[in-house]
């Protein structure tokens, strides 16, 4: 039996993966998971959809992640968490649930459009 070097086997694997991607893209052309516009790669969001998504950032409540309009300090809590601490240590959302994310998130979450996962893993 002839053994192939690992580097050569890895190269063949990459080539097969690329060929599979080309075939899949020809069969099912890549589309934006939000609006359906044609894209260059599976899982990419088009520029208008990507720019419409509002990512949540600090400053925010250290318990629930509620956004503050300005910095309240490192250990700041929102009014609701100050009145009664939640039964969890910390919760965070990556993006605001608004008109731009409302169509994407349920499909992503419930499995209808898992091709959107790579866009949010970047």
C-alpha atoms as a PDB file:
ATOM      1  CA  UNK A   1       0.000   0.000   0.000  1.00  0.00           C
ATOM      2  CA  UNK A   2       1.354   3.420  -0.989  1.00  0.00           C
ATOM      3  CA  UNK A   3       1.168   6.034   1.745  1.00  0.00           C
ATOM      4  CA  UNK A   4       0.564   9.677   0.869  1.00  0.00           C
ATOM      5  CA  UNK A   5       2.247  12.461   2.802  1.00  0.00           C
ATOM      6  CA  UNK A   6      -0.088  14.327   5.157  1.00  0.00           C
ATOM      7  CA  UNK A   7       0.446  17.628   3.328  1.00  0.00           C
ATOM      8  CA  UNK A   8      -0.657  16.079   0.037  1.00  0.00           C
ATOM      9  CA  UNK A   9      -3.743  14.546   1.672  1.00  0.00           C
ATOM     10  CA  UNK A  10      -4.646  17.898   3.218  1.00  0.00           C
ATOM     11  CA  UNK A  11      -4.269  19.584  -0.176  1.00  0.00           C
ATOM     12  CA  UNK A  12      -6.585  17.022  -1.788  1.00  0.00           C
ATOM     13  CA  UNK A  13      -9.086  17.621   1.018  1.00  0.00           C
ATOM     14  CA  UNK A  14      -9.017  21.387   0.398  1.00  0.00           C
ATOM     15  CA  UNK A  15      -9.502  20.863  -3.330  1.00  0.00           C
ATOM     16  CA  UNK A  16     -12.477  18.553  -2.757  1.00  0.00           C
ATOM     17  CA  UNK A  17     -13.989  21.046  -0.316  1.00  0.00           C
ATOM     18  CA  UNK A  18     -13.590  23.875  -2.833  1.00  0.00           C
ATOM     19  CA  UNK A  19     -15.140  21.756  -5.603  1.00  0.00           C
ATOM     20  CA  UNK A  20     -18.080  20.945  -3.321  1.00  0.00           C
ATOM     21  CA  UNK A  21     -18.580  24.637  -2.536  1.00  0.00           C
ATOM     22  CA  UNK A  22     -18.519  25.556  -6.241  1.00  0.00           C
ATOM     23  CA  UNK A  23     -21.058  22.810  -6.991  1.00  0.00           C
ATOM     24  CA  UNK A  24     -23.328  23.857  -4.116  1.00  0.00           C
ATOM     25  CA  UNK A  25     -23.136  27.531  -5.123  1.00  0.00           C
ATOM     26  CA  UNK A  26     -24.127  26.589  -8.695  1.00  0.00           C
ATOM     27  CA  UNK A  27     -27.024  24.471  -7.437  1.00  0.00           C
ATOM     28  CA  UNK A  28     -28.152  26.888  -4.704  1.00  0.00           C
ATOM     29  CA  UNK A  29     -26.737  30.361  -5.399  1.00  0.00           C
ATOM     30  CA  UNK A  30     -25.617  32.236  -2.265  1.00  0.00           C
ATOM     31  CA  UNK A  31     -28.192  34.717  -0.996  1.00  0.00           C
ATOM     32  CA  UNK A  32     -28.380  37.206   1.844  1.00  0.00           C
ATOM     33  CA  UNK A  33     -30.207  35.409   4.698  1.00  0.00           C
ATOM     34  CA  UNK A  34     -32.172  38.603   5.464  1.00  0.00           C
ATOM     35  CA  UNK A  35     -33.475  39.854   2.128  1.00  0.00           C
ATOM     36  CA  UNK A  36     -32.536  37.186  -0.410  1.00  0.00           C
ATOM     37  CA  UNK A  37     -30.235  39.400  -2.516  1.00  0.00           C
ATOM     38  CA  UNK A  38     -27.538  37.515  -4.418  1.00  0.00           C
ATOM     39  CA  UNK A  39     -24.212  37.351  -2.580  1.00  0.00           C
ATOM     40  CA  UNK A  40     -20.719  36.088  -3.380  1.00  0.00           C
ATOM     41  CA  UNK A  41     -20.551  33.517  -0.536  1.00  0.00           C
ATOM     42  CA  UNK A  42     -23.012  31.466   1.477  1.00  0.00           C
ATOM     43  CA  UNK A  43     -23.821  33.129   4.794  1.00  0.00           C
ATOM     44  CA  UNK A  44     -22.880  36.689   3.820  1.00  0.00           C
ATOM     45  CA  UNK A  45     -25.315  39.482   4.533  1.00  0.00           C
ATOM     46  CA  UNK A  46     -25.652  42.109   1.807  1.00  0.00           C
ATOM     47  CA  UNK A  47     -24.283  45.580   2.552  1.00  0.00           C
ATOM     48  CA  UNK A  48     -27.687  47.236   3.215  1.00  0.00           C
ATOM     49  CA  UNK A  49     -28.764  44.460   5.629  1.00  0.00           C
ATOM     50  CA  UNK A  50     -25.384  44.401   7.422  1.00  0.00           C
ATOM     51  CA  UNK A  51     -25.333  48.184   7.824  1.00  0.00           C
ATOM     52  CA  UNK A  52     -28.902  48.140   9.167  1.00  0.00           C
ATOM     53  CA  UNK A  53     -28.044  45.823  12.061  1.00  0.00           C
ATOM     54  CA  UNK A  54     -27.465  47.658  15.327  1.00  0.00           C
ATOM     55  CA  UNK A  55     -24.885  45.867  17.466  1.00  0.00           C
ATOM     56  CA  UNK A  56     -25.170  46.451  21.205  1.00  0.00           C
ATOM     57  CA  UNK A  57     -22.104  47.757  22.975  1.00  0.00           C
ATOM     58  CA  UNK A  58     -21.107  49.205  26.321  1.00  0.00           C
ATOM     59  CA  UNK A  59     -22.175  51.069  28.330  1.00  0.00           C
ATOM     60  CA  UNK A  60     -24.804  48.699  29.647  1.00  0.00           C
ATOM     61  CA  UNK A  61     -26.233  47.162  32.812  1.00  0.00           C
ATOM     62  CA  UNK A  62     -23.739  44.638  34.190  1.00  0.00           C
ATOM     63  CA  UNK A  63     -26.521  42.152  34.947  1.00  0.00           C
ATOM     64  CA  UNK A  64     -29.030  42.217  32.078  1.00  0.00           C
ATOM     65  CA  UNK A  65     -27.159  44.159  29.380  1.00  0.00           C
ATOM     66  CA  UNK A  66     -29.732  46.962  29.085  1.00  0.00           C
ATOM     67  CA  UNK A  67     -28.102  49.785  27.088  1.00  0.00           C
ATOM     68  CA  UNK A  68     -27.322  53.065  28.841  1.00  0.00           C
ATOM     69  CA  UNK A  69     -27.219  56.352  26.912  1.00  0.00           C
ATOM     70  CA  UNK A  70     -23.937  57.249  28.639  1.00  0.00           C
ATOM     71  CA  UNK A  71     -21.348  55.586  30.872  1.00  0.00           C
ATOM     72  CA  UNK A  72     -22.728  54.863  34.340  1.00  0.00           C
ATOM     73  CA  UNK A  73     -19.567  53.216  35.642  1.00  0.00           C
ATOM     74  CA  UNK A  74     -18.114  49.741  35.487  1.00  0.00           C
ATOM     75  CA  UNK A  75     -20.539  48.013  37.897  1.00  0.00           C
ATOM     76  CA  UNK A  76     -23.681  49.978  36.976  1.00  0.00           C
ATOM     77  CA  UNK A  77     -27.086  48.303  37.131  1.00  0.00           C
ATOM     78  CA  UNK A  78     -30.273  49.415  35.389  1.00  0.00           C
ATOM     79  CA  UNK A  79     -33.304  50.433  37.471  1.00  0.00           C
ATOM     80  CA  UNK A  80     -34.986  47.023  37.155  1.00  0.00           C
ATOM     81  CA  UNK A  81     -31.880  45.094  38.256  1.00  0.00           C
ATOM     82  CA  UNK A  82     -31.241  47.595  41.068  1.00  0.00           C
ATOM     83  CA  UNK A  83     -34.724  46.904  42.451  1.00  0.00           C
ATOM     84  CA  UNK A  84     -34.393  43.136  42.153  1.00  0.00           C
ATOM     85  CA  UNK A  85     -31.300  41.310  40.962  1.00  0.00           C
ATOM     86  CA  UNK A  86     -32.056  38.660  38.344  1.00  0.00           C
ATOM     87  CA  UNK A  87     -31.573  34.958  39.086  1.00  0.00           C
ATOM     88  CA  UNK A  88     -28.618  34.832  36.698  1.00  0.00           C
ATOM     89  CA  UNK A  89     -25.139  36.355  36.798  1.00  0.00           C
ATOM     90  CA  UNK A  90     -25.002  38.033  33.400  1.00  0.00           C
ATOM     91  CA  UNK A  91     -26.956  38.167  30.133  1.00  0.00           C
ATOM     92  CA  UNK A  92     -25.910  39.800  26.880  1.00  0.00           C
ATOM     93  CA  UNK A  93     -27.467  40.256  23.474  1.00  0.00           C
ATOM     94  CA  UNK A  94     -25.242  40.857  20.484  1.00  0.00           C
ATOM     95  CA  UNK A  95     -27.670  42.983  18.536  1.00  0.00           C
ATOM     96  CA  UNK A  96     -30.854  44.960  19.006  1.00  0.00           C
ATOM     97  CA  UNK A  97     -34.096  43.167  18.187  1.00  0.00           C
ATOM     98  CA  UNK A  98     -35.564  45.720  15.805  1.00  0.00           C
ATOM     99  CA  UNK A  99     -36.945  45.984  12.266  1.00  0.00           C
ATOM    100  CA  UNK A 100     -33.582  44.968  10.760  1.00  0.00           C
ATOM    101  CA  UNK A 101     -32.914  41.890  12.886  1.00  0.00           C
ATOM    102  CA  UNK A 102     -36.531  40.789  13.386  1.00  0.00           C
ATOM    103  CA  UNK A 103     -36.679  38.883  10.084  1.00  0.00           C
ATOM    104  CA  UNK A 104     -33.273  37.238  10.460  1.00  0.00           C
ATOM    105  CA  UNK A 105     -33.137  36.099  14.080  1.00  0.00           C
ATOM    106  CA  UNK A 106     -36.211  33.823  14.204  1.00  0.00           C
ATOM    107  CA  UNK A 107     -35.139  32.061  10.988  1.00  0.00           C
ATOM    108  CA  UNK A 108     -31.611  31.663  12.319  1.00  0.00           C
ATOM    109  CA  UNK A 109     -32.810  30.477  15.726  1.00  0.00           C
ATOM    110  CA  UNK A 110     -35.438  28.029  14.502  1.00  0.00           C
ATOM    111  CA  UNK A 111     -33.349  26.507  11.721  1.00  0.00           C
ATOM    112  CA  UNK A 112     -34.987  27.892   8.606  1.00  0.00           C
ATOM    113  CA  UNK A 113     -31.870  29.856   7.569  1.00  0.00           C
ATOM    114  CA  UNK A 114     -28.805  28.509   9.398  1.00  0.00           C
ATOM    115  CA  UNK A 115     -26.675  29.844   6.527  1.00  0.00           C
ATOM    116  CA  UNK A 116     -26.689  33.199   8.345  1.00  0.00           C
ATOM    117  CA  UNK A 117     -24.549  31.819  11.168  1.00  0.00           C
ATOM    118  CA  UNK A 118     -21.158  32.647   9.573  1.00  0.00           C
ATOM    119  CA  UNK A 119     -22.068  36.330   9.280  1.00  0.00           C
ATOM    120  CA  UNK A 120     -22.456  36.625  13.033  1.00  0.00           C
ATOM    121  CA  UNK A 121     -19.414  34.541  13.846  1.00  0.00           C
ATOM    122  CA  UNK A 122     -17.052  37.159  12.448  1.00  0.00           C
END
